[in-house]
Amino acid sequence: MGADAFFGYQDIGERGFIEWSLGYTMDPIIECFQVVPEGQRWERVLDKLSAPCCILGHIALNEEDLLKGFAQGITERKCPFPRELFDVFRPPTEGQLKEGIPDSSKLVDYWRTVRAETLTYLRKLTPEELRQRPAKSILRDGDGNRDNPIREFFIMAIQHQNCHWGELRAICKILGVPMR
């Protein structure tokens, strides 16, 4: 029995780890979002916390932007909702909300679609491509992460999503909503 087999350990490689991490975070984030009552998903419970729909839309938009930055041509679809609704720093204005807010199930479906495209792109990358810097960076010139390899951008996306998952968990705790 080799050392790698001890305790059921299996080397899944970088791509497998990224794919597992993406899958590991998505469902718990969505479940946490869905336990918030529908009528409260567009409300901020504290000034320092965004509305749950803003958080989920922000996560999905950032992942779509990441994908567009790397895989030009892989997705021609654009966010079907006004991007301004998902600014986690500024709540939507009354005017934006009156123009029509998306049904939260459509928001979840949008993120699932983006994730499917992300996984399709990730599965097409060779190990060498994962270690390359993207031809077109999605970050500003002064950002210290600008020239990281593609794999690092995926890890940053996962960390970003986990930060917002923490925000959703805090909202659930404040609302007294039991989390699954």
Protein backbone atom coordinates (compact mmCIF):
# COMPACT_ATOMS: atom_id res chain seq x y z
CA MET A 1 0.00 0.00 0.00
CA GLY A 2 1.54 3.29 -1.12
CA ALA A 3 1.79 6.36 1.08
CA ASP A 4 -0.76 8.18 -1.09
CA ALA A 5 -3.42 5.55 -0.34
CA PHE A 6 -3.16 5.85 3.46
CA PHE A 7 -6.34 7.29 5.04
CA GLY A 8 -8.01 7.22 1.65
CA TYR A 9 -5.94 10.12 0.36
CA GLN A 10 -5.89 10.52 -3.39
CA ASP A 11 -3.96 13.11 -5.32
CA ILE A 12 -6.61 14.83 -7.39
CA GLY A 13 -4.28 17.39 -8.97
CA GLU A 14 -4.72 21.14 -9.30
CA ARG A 15 -7.66 21.08 -11.68
CA GLY A 16 -9.47 18.49 -9.57
CA PHE A 17 -8.86 20.51 -6.42
CA ILE A 18 -10.19 23.70 -8.02
CA GLU A 19 -13.21 21.86 -9.41
CA TRP A 20 -13.89 20.24 -6.02
CA SER A 21 -13.53 23.61 -4.25
CA LEU A 22 -15.93 25.29 -6.67
CA GLY A 23 -18.45 22.51 -6.13
CA TYR A 24 -17.92 22.47 -2.38
CA THR A 25 -18.79 26.14 -2.00
CA MET A 26 -21.67 26.62 -4.41
CA ASP A 27 -24.40 24.47 -2.88
CA PRO A 28 -23.86 25.63 0.73
CA ILE A 29 -23.89 29.27 -0.40
CA ILE A 30 -27.15 28.75 -2.29
CA GLU A 31 -28.67 26.83 0.63
CA CYS A 32 -27.70 29.63 3.02
CA PHE A 33 -29.24 32.18 0.64
CA GLN A 34 -32.44 30.18 0.26
CA VAL A 35 -33.18 29.95 4.00
CA VAL A 36 -33.57 33.74 4.08
CA PRO A 37 -37.30 34.43 3.67
CA GLU A 38 -38.13 35.59 0.14
CA GLY A 39 -39.49 38.93 1.38
CA GLN A 40 -36.18 39.76 3.07
CA ARG A 41 -33.77 38.82 0.28
CA TRP A 42 -33.59 42.39 -1.05
CA GLU A 43 -33.35 44.04 2.38
CA ARG A 44 -30.21 44.97 4.25
CA VAL A 45 -30.34 43.81 7.87
CA LEU A 46 -27.41 46.08 8.82
CA ASP A 47 -25.75 48.95 7.01
CA LYS A 48 -22.48 46.99 6.85
CA LEU A 49 -24.10 43.91 5.29
CA SER A 50 -25.49 43.78 1.77
CA ALA A 51 -28.89 42.38 0.92
CA PRO A 52 -28.74 38.61 0.27
CA CYS A 53 -29.77 39.00 -3.41
CA CYS A 54 -27.04 41.60 -3.89
CA ILE A 55 -24.50 39.19 -2.44
CA LEU A 56 -25.55 36.24 -4.59
CA GLY A 57 -25.73 38.38 -7.75
CA HIS A 58 -22.32 39.88 -6.95
CA ILE A 59 -20.78 36.40 -6.61
CA ALA A 60 -22.27 35.29 -9.94
CA LEU A 61 -21.26 38.48 -11.78
CA ASN A 62 -17.70 38.22 -10.52
CA GLU A 63 -17.45 34.63 -11.66
CA GLU A 64 -18.88 35.55 -15.05
CA ASP A 65 -16.35 38.39 -15.34
CA LEU A 66 -13.55 35.99 -14.43
CA LEU A 67 -14.72 33.58 -17.10
CA LYS A 68 -15.04 36.29 -19.73
CA GLY A 69 -11.55 37.52 -18.86
CA PHE A 70 -10.03 34.11 -19.57
CA ALA A 71 -12.24 32.26 -21.99
CA GLN A 72 -13.08 34.80 -24.60
CA GLY A 73 -15.77 33.36 -26.80
CA ILE A 74 -16.79 30.63 -24.36
CA THR A 75 -19.77 32.63 -23.27
CA GLU A 76 -21.66 35.20 -25.25
CA ARG A 77 -24.36 35.39 -22.60
CA LYS A 78 -24.46 38.43 -20.42
CA CYS A 79 -26.07 38.87 -17.04
CA PRO A 80 -29.85 39.07 -17.65
CA PHE A 81 -30.25 41.54 -14.78
CA PRO A 82 -29.12 45.14 -14.30
CA ARG A 83 -25.58 44.88 -12.92
CA GLU A 84 -26.15 47.90 -10.68
CA LEU A 85 -28.49 45.81 -8.51
CA PHE A 86 -25.57 43.71 -7.30
CA ASP A 87 -23.15 46.34 -6.07
CA VAL A 88 -22.36 45.08 -2.57
CA PHE A 89 -21.06 48.49 -1.52
CA ARG A 90 -24.06 50.58 -2.59
CA PRO A 91 -27.60 49.32 -2.11
CA PRO A 92 -29.89 49.51 -5.13
CA THR A 93 -31.80 52.77 -5.36
CA GLU A 94 -35.57 52.88 -5.05
CA GLY A 95 -35.71 53.61 -8.78
CA GLN A 96 -33.65 50.55 -9.64
CA LEU A 97 -35.79 48.38 -7.40
CA LYS A 98 -39.01 49.78 -8.90
CA GLU A 99 -37.80 48.89 -12.41
CA GLY A 100 -38.14 45.29 -11.40
CA ILE A 101 -36.05 43.08 -9.26
CA PRO A 102 -35.25 39.59 -10.47
CA ASP A 103 -36.93 36.62 -8.92
CA SER A 104 -34.38 35.06 -6.58
CA SER A 105 -34.78 31.61 -8.16
CA LYS A 106 -33.74 33.13 -11.50
CA LEU A 107 -30.72 34.60 -9.77
CA VAL A 108 -29.77 31.13 -8.49
CA ASP A 109 -30.31 29.68 -11.99
CA TYR A 110 -28.08 32.39 -13.46
CA TRP A 111 -25.23 31.50 -11.09
CA ARG A 112 -25.66 27.78 -11.80
CA THR A 113 -25.39 28.54 -15.54
CA VAL A 114 -22.24 30.60 -15.01
CA ARG A 115 -20.76 27.81 -12.87
CA ALA A 116 -21.47 25.21 -15.54
CA GLU A 117 -19.58 27.39 -18.04
CA THR A 118 -16.74 27.85 -15.56
CA LEU A 119 -16.40 24.09 -15.11
CA THR A 120 -16.55 23.51 -18.87
CA TYR A 121 -13.71 25.99 -19.33
CA LEU A 122 -11.69 24.54 -16.44
CA ARG A 123 -11.98 20.99 -17.81
CA LYS A 124 -10.61 22.11 -21.18
CA LEU A 125 -7.46 23.63 -19.68
CA THR A 126 -4.25 21.63 -19.82
CA PRO A 127 -2.03 21.55 -16.70
CA GLU A 128 0.36 23.89 -18.52
CA GLU A 129 -2.44 26.36 -19.29
CA LEU A 130 -3.47 26.38 -15.62
CA ARG A 131 0.03 27.59 -14.78
CA GLN A 132 0.07 30.34 -17.43
CA ARG A 133 -0.85 33.93 -16.85
CA PRO A 134 -4.03 34.89 -18.67
CA ALA A 135 -3.53 36.69 -21.97
CA LYS A 136 -5.98 39.35 -20.83
CA SER A 137 -6.07 40.18 -17.16
CA ILE A 138 -9.37 41.14 -15.62
CA LEU A 139 -7.66 43.15 -12.87
CA ARG A 140 -6.56 46.77 -12.80
CA ASP A 141 -2.95 47.58 -13.65
CA GLY A 142 -1.96 48.33 -10.05
CA ASP A 143 -3.44 45.12 -8.59
CA GLY A 144 -0.72 42.89 -7.13
CA ASN A 145 -2.54 39.75 -8.30
CA ARG A 146 -2.71 40.91 -11.92
CA ASP A 147 0.00 38.62 -13.27
CA ASN A 148 -0.86 35.46 -11.35
CA PRO A 149 -1.39 32.16 -13.17
CA ILE A 150 -4.94 31.18 -14.10
CA ARG A 151 -5.13 28.67 -11.23
CA GLU A 152 -4.54 31.51 -8.73
CA PHE A 153 -7.44 33.48 -10.18
CA PHE A 154 -9.72 30.48 -9.60
CA ILE A 155 -8.50 30.19 -6.01
CA MET A 156 -9.10 33.93 -5.50
CA ALA A 157 -12.65 33.49 -6.86
CA ILE A 158 -13.29 30.68 -4.37
CA GLN A 159 -11.93 32.76 -1.49
CA HIS A 160 -14.05 35.72 -2.60
CA GLN A 161 -17.16 33.55 -2.63
CA ASN A 162 -16.34 32.17 0.82
CA CYS A 163 -16.07 35.72 2.21
CA HIS A 164 -19.57 36.49 0.94
CA TRP A 165 -20.82 33.15 2.24
CA GLY A 166 -19.72 34.37 5.67
CA GLU A 167 -21.75 37.52 5.08
CA LEU A 168 -24.82 35.41 4.24
CA ARG A 169 -24.30 33.32 7.38
CA ALA A 170 -24.14 36.51 9.47
CA ILE A 171 -27.44 37.66 7.92
CA CYS A 172 -29.07 34.34 8.77
CA LYS A 173 -27.83 34.61 12.35
CA ILE A 174 -29.16 38.17 12.71
CA LEU A 175 -32.53 37.15 11.26
CA GLY A 176 -32.64 34.10 13.52
CA VAL A 177 -33.04 31.86 10.49
CA PRO A 178 -31.80 28.30 11.06
CA MET A 179 -29.14 27.29 8.59
CA ARG A 180 -29.01 23.84 7.08
